[in-house]
Amino acid sequence: MVLYKVMNIETEMFHKGGVYTRWSKQGKVWTSLGSLRAFITLTMKGAQDINKWRIIEYQVNVASVKELSEVIKPEKMIELLSK
């Protein structure tokens, strides 16, 4: 799976998406190249300075598969199942 973020190379902050220029340490994640392109096209029509933007592409791989009991405490599992 490939994910995308838009980074400002001066601040190393990530765009939060939308038509307003908002940046944060986490930013927004685009899950497809098409949705990223749509966002860029939309922002190019506005007054945002995109010359300092870079697209960061993340390749996501499965690290492991866990049983539910490995993630949820046994006491909580019993409580949830007894409802």
C-alpha atoms as a PDB file:
ATOM      1  CA  MET A   1       0.000   0.000   0.000  1.00  0.00           C
ATOM      2  CA  VAL A   2       1.288   3.449  -0.886  1.00  0.00           C
ATOM      3  CA  LEU A   3       0.384   6.559   1.122  1.00  0.00           C
ATOM      4  CA  TYR A   4       1.225  10.201   0.428  1.00  0.00           C
ATOM      5  CA  LYS A   5       1.859  13.378   2.418  1.00  0.00           C
ATOM      6  CA  VAL A   6       2.663  16.931   1.343  1.00  0.00           C
ATOM      7  CA  MET A   7       5.666  18.424   3.155  1.00  0.00           C
ATOM      8  CA  ASN A   8       6.891  22.016   3.264  1.00  0.00           C
ATOM      9  CA  ILE A   9      10.670  21.776   2.760  1.00  0.00           C
ATOM     10  CA  GLU A  10      11.338  24.939   4.804  1.00  0.00           C
ATOM     11  CA  THR A  11       9.416  23.947   7.921  1.00  0.00           C
ATOM     12  CA  GLU A  12       9.376  20.141   7.480  1.00  0.00           C
ATOM     13  CA  MET A  13       5.708  20.284   8.464  1.00  0.00           C
ATOM     14  CA  PHE A  14       2.924  18.401   6.689  1.00  0.00           C
ATOM     15  CA  HIS A  15      -0.161  19.908   5.028  1.00  0.00           C
ATOM     16  CA  LYS A  16      -3.437  19.183   6.823  1.00  0.00           C
ATOM     17  CA  GLY A  17      -5.452  19.125   3.575  1.00  0.00           C
ATOM     18  CA  GLY A  18      -8.303  21.350   2.520  1.00  0.00           C
ATOM     19  CA  VAL A  19      -8.240  24.712   0.817  1.00  0.00           C
ATOM     20  CA  TYR A  20      -6.627  26.547   3.743  1.00  0.00           C
ATOM     21  CA  THR A  21      -2.873  26.457   4.299  1.00  0.00           C
ATOM     22  CA  ARG A  22      -2.614  24.601   7.593  1.00  0.00           C
ATOM     23  CA  TRP A  23       0.434  22.585   8.611  1.00  0.00           C
ATOM     24  CA  SER A  24       1.200  20.199  11.461  1.00  0.00           C
ATOM     25  CA  LYS A  25       3.735  17.569  12.493  1.00  0.00           C
ATOM     26  CA  GLN A  26       1.334  14.785  11.468  1.00  0.00           C
ATOM     27  CA  GLY A  27      -0.574  16.303   8.544  1.00  0.00           C
ATOM     28  CA  LYS A  28      -3.043  14.543   6.281  1.00  0.00           C
ATOM     29  CA  VAL A  29      -2.452  11.198   4.610  1.00  0.00           C
ATOM     30  CA  TRP A  30      -3.722  10.695   1.066  1.00  0.00           C
ATOM     31  CA  THR A  31      -4.481   7.070   0.268  1.00  0.00           C
ATOM     32  CA  SER A  32      -4.397   7.370  -3.510  1.00  0.00           C
ATOM     33  CA  LEU A  33      -2.434   9.290  -6.088  1.00  0.00           C
ATOM     34  CA  GLY A  34      -5.725  10.424  -7.639  1.00  0.00           C
ATOM     35  CA  SER A  35      -6.943  12.089  -4.446  1.00  0.00           C
ATOM     36  CA  LEU A  36      -3.537  13.734  -3.962  1.00  0.00           C
ATOM     37  CA  ARG A  37      -3.626  15.077  -7.520  1.00  0.00           C
ATOM     38  CA  ALA A  38      -7.147  16.420  -6.955  1.00  0.00           C
ATOM     39  CA  PHE A  39      -5.952  18.215  -3.817  1.00  0.00           C
ATOM     40  CA  ILE A  40      -2.948  19.709  -5.630  1.00  0.00           C
ATOM     41  CA  THR A  41      -5.136  20.850  -8.540  1.00  0.00           C
ATOM     42  CA  LEU A  42      -7.551  22.499  -6.107  1.00  0.00           C
ATOM     43  CA  THR A  43      -4.787  24.304  -4.225  1.00  0.00           C
ATOM     44  CA  MET A  44      -3.081  25.460  -7.447  1.00  0.00           C
ATOM     45  CA  LYS A  45      -6.244  27.432  -8.226  1.00  0.00           C
ATOM     46  CA  GLY A  46      -5.824  29.259  -4.903  1.00  0.00           C
ATOM     47  CA  ALA A  47      -3.037  31.504  -3.705  1.00  0.00           C
ATOM     48  CA  GLN A  48      -0.909  28.870  -2.003  1.00  0.00           C
ATOM     49  CA  ASP A  49       2.816  28.814  -2.722  1.00  0.00           C
ATOM     50  CA  ILE A  50       3.424  25.223  -3.819  1.00  0.00           C
ATOM     51  CA  ASN A  51       7.074  25.767  -4.846  1.00  0.00           C
ATOM     52  CA  LYS A  52       8.223  24.718  -1.378  1.00  0.00           C
ATOM     53  CA  TRP A  53       6.130  21.543  -1.331  1.00  0.00           C
ATOM     54  CA  ARG A  54       7.453  18.036  -1.742  1.00  0.00           C
ATOM     55  CA  ILE A  55       5.435  14.848  -1.971  1.00  0.00           C
ATOM     56  CA  ILE A  56       6.463  12.172   0.500  1.00  0.00           C
ATOM     57  CA  GLU A  57       5.540   8.657  -0.594  1.00  0.00           C
ATOM     58  CA  TYR A  58       5.292   5.923   2.036  1.00  0.00           C
ATOM     59  CA  GLN A  59       5.333   2.226   1.243  1.00  0.00           C
ATOM     60  CA  VAL A  60       3.347   0.398   3.932  1.00  0.00           C
ATOM     61  CA  ASN A  61       4.074  -3.272   4.496  1.00  0.00           C
ATOM     62  CA  VAL A  62       2.545  -5.732   6.955  1.00  0.00           C
ATOM     63  CA  ALA A  63       4.958  -6.181   9.864  1.00  0.00           C
ATOM     64  CA  SER A  64       2.965  -8.829  11.717  1.00  0.00           C
ATOM     65  CA  VAL A  65      -0.505 -10.203  12.311  1.00  0.00           C
ATOM     66  CA  LYS A  66      -1.680 -10.360  15.933  1.00  0.00           C
ATOM     67  CA  GLU A  67      -4.491 -12.159  17.670  1.00  0.00           C
ATOM     68  CA  LEU A  68      -7.040  -9.939  19.368  1.00  0.00           C
ATOM     69  CA  SER A  69      -5.922 -11.307  22.734  1.00  0.00           C
ATOM     70  CA  GLU A  70      -2.420  -9.936  22.071  1.00  0.00           C
ATOM     71  CA  VAL A  71      -3.777  -6.405  21.709  1.00  0.00           C
ATOM     72  CA  ILE A  72      -6.590  -6.267  24.280  1.00  0.00           C
ATOM     73  CA  LYS A  73      -6.042  -7.086  27.952  1.00  0.00           C
ATOM     74  CA  PRO A  74      -7.764 -10.353  28.975  1.00  0.00           C
ATOM     75  CA  GLU A  75      -9.864  -8.549  31.609  1.00  0.00           C
ATOM     76  CA  LYS A  76     -11.182  -6.100  29.019  1.00  0.00           C
ATOM     77  CA  MET A  77     -11.885  -8.949  26.569  1.00  0.00           C
ATOM     78  CA  ILE A  78     -13.976 -10.769  29.206  1.00  0.00           C
ATOM     79  CA  GLU A  79     -15.814  -7.543  30.041  1.00  0.00           C
ATOM     80  CA  LEU A  80     -16.632  -6.896  26.371  1.00  0.00           C
ATOM     81  CA  LEU A  81     -17.710 -10.466  25.657  1.00  0.00           C
ATOM     82  CA  SER A  82     -19.937 -10.705  28.738  1.00  0.00           C
ATOM     83  CA  LYS A  83     -22.198  -7.853  27.600  1.00  0.00           C
END
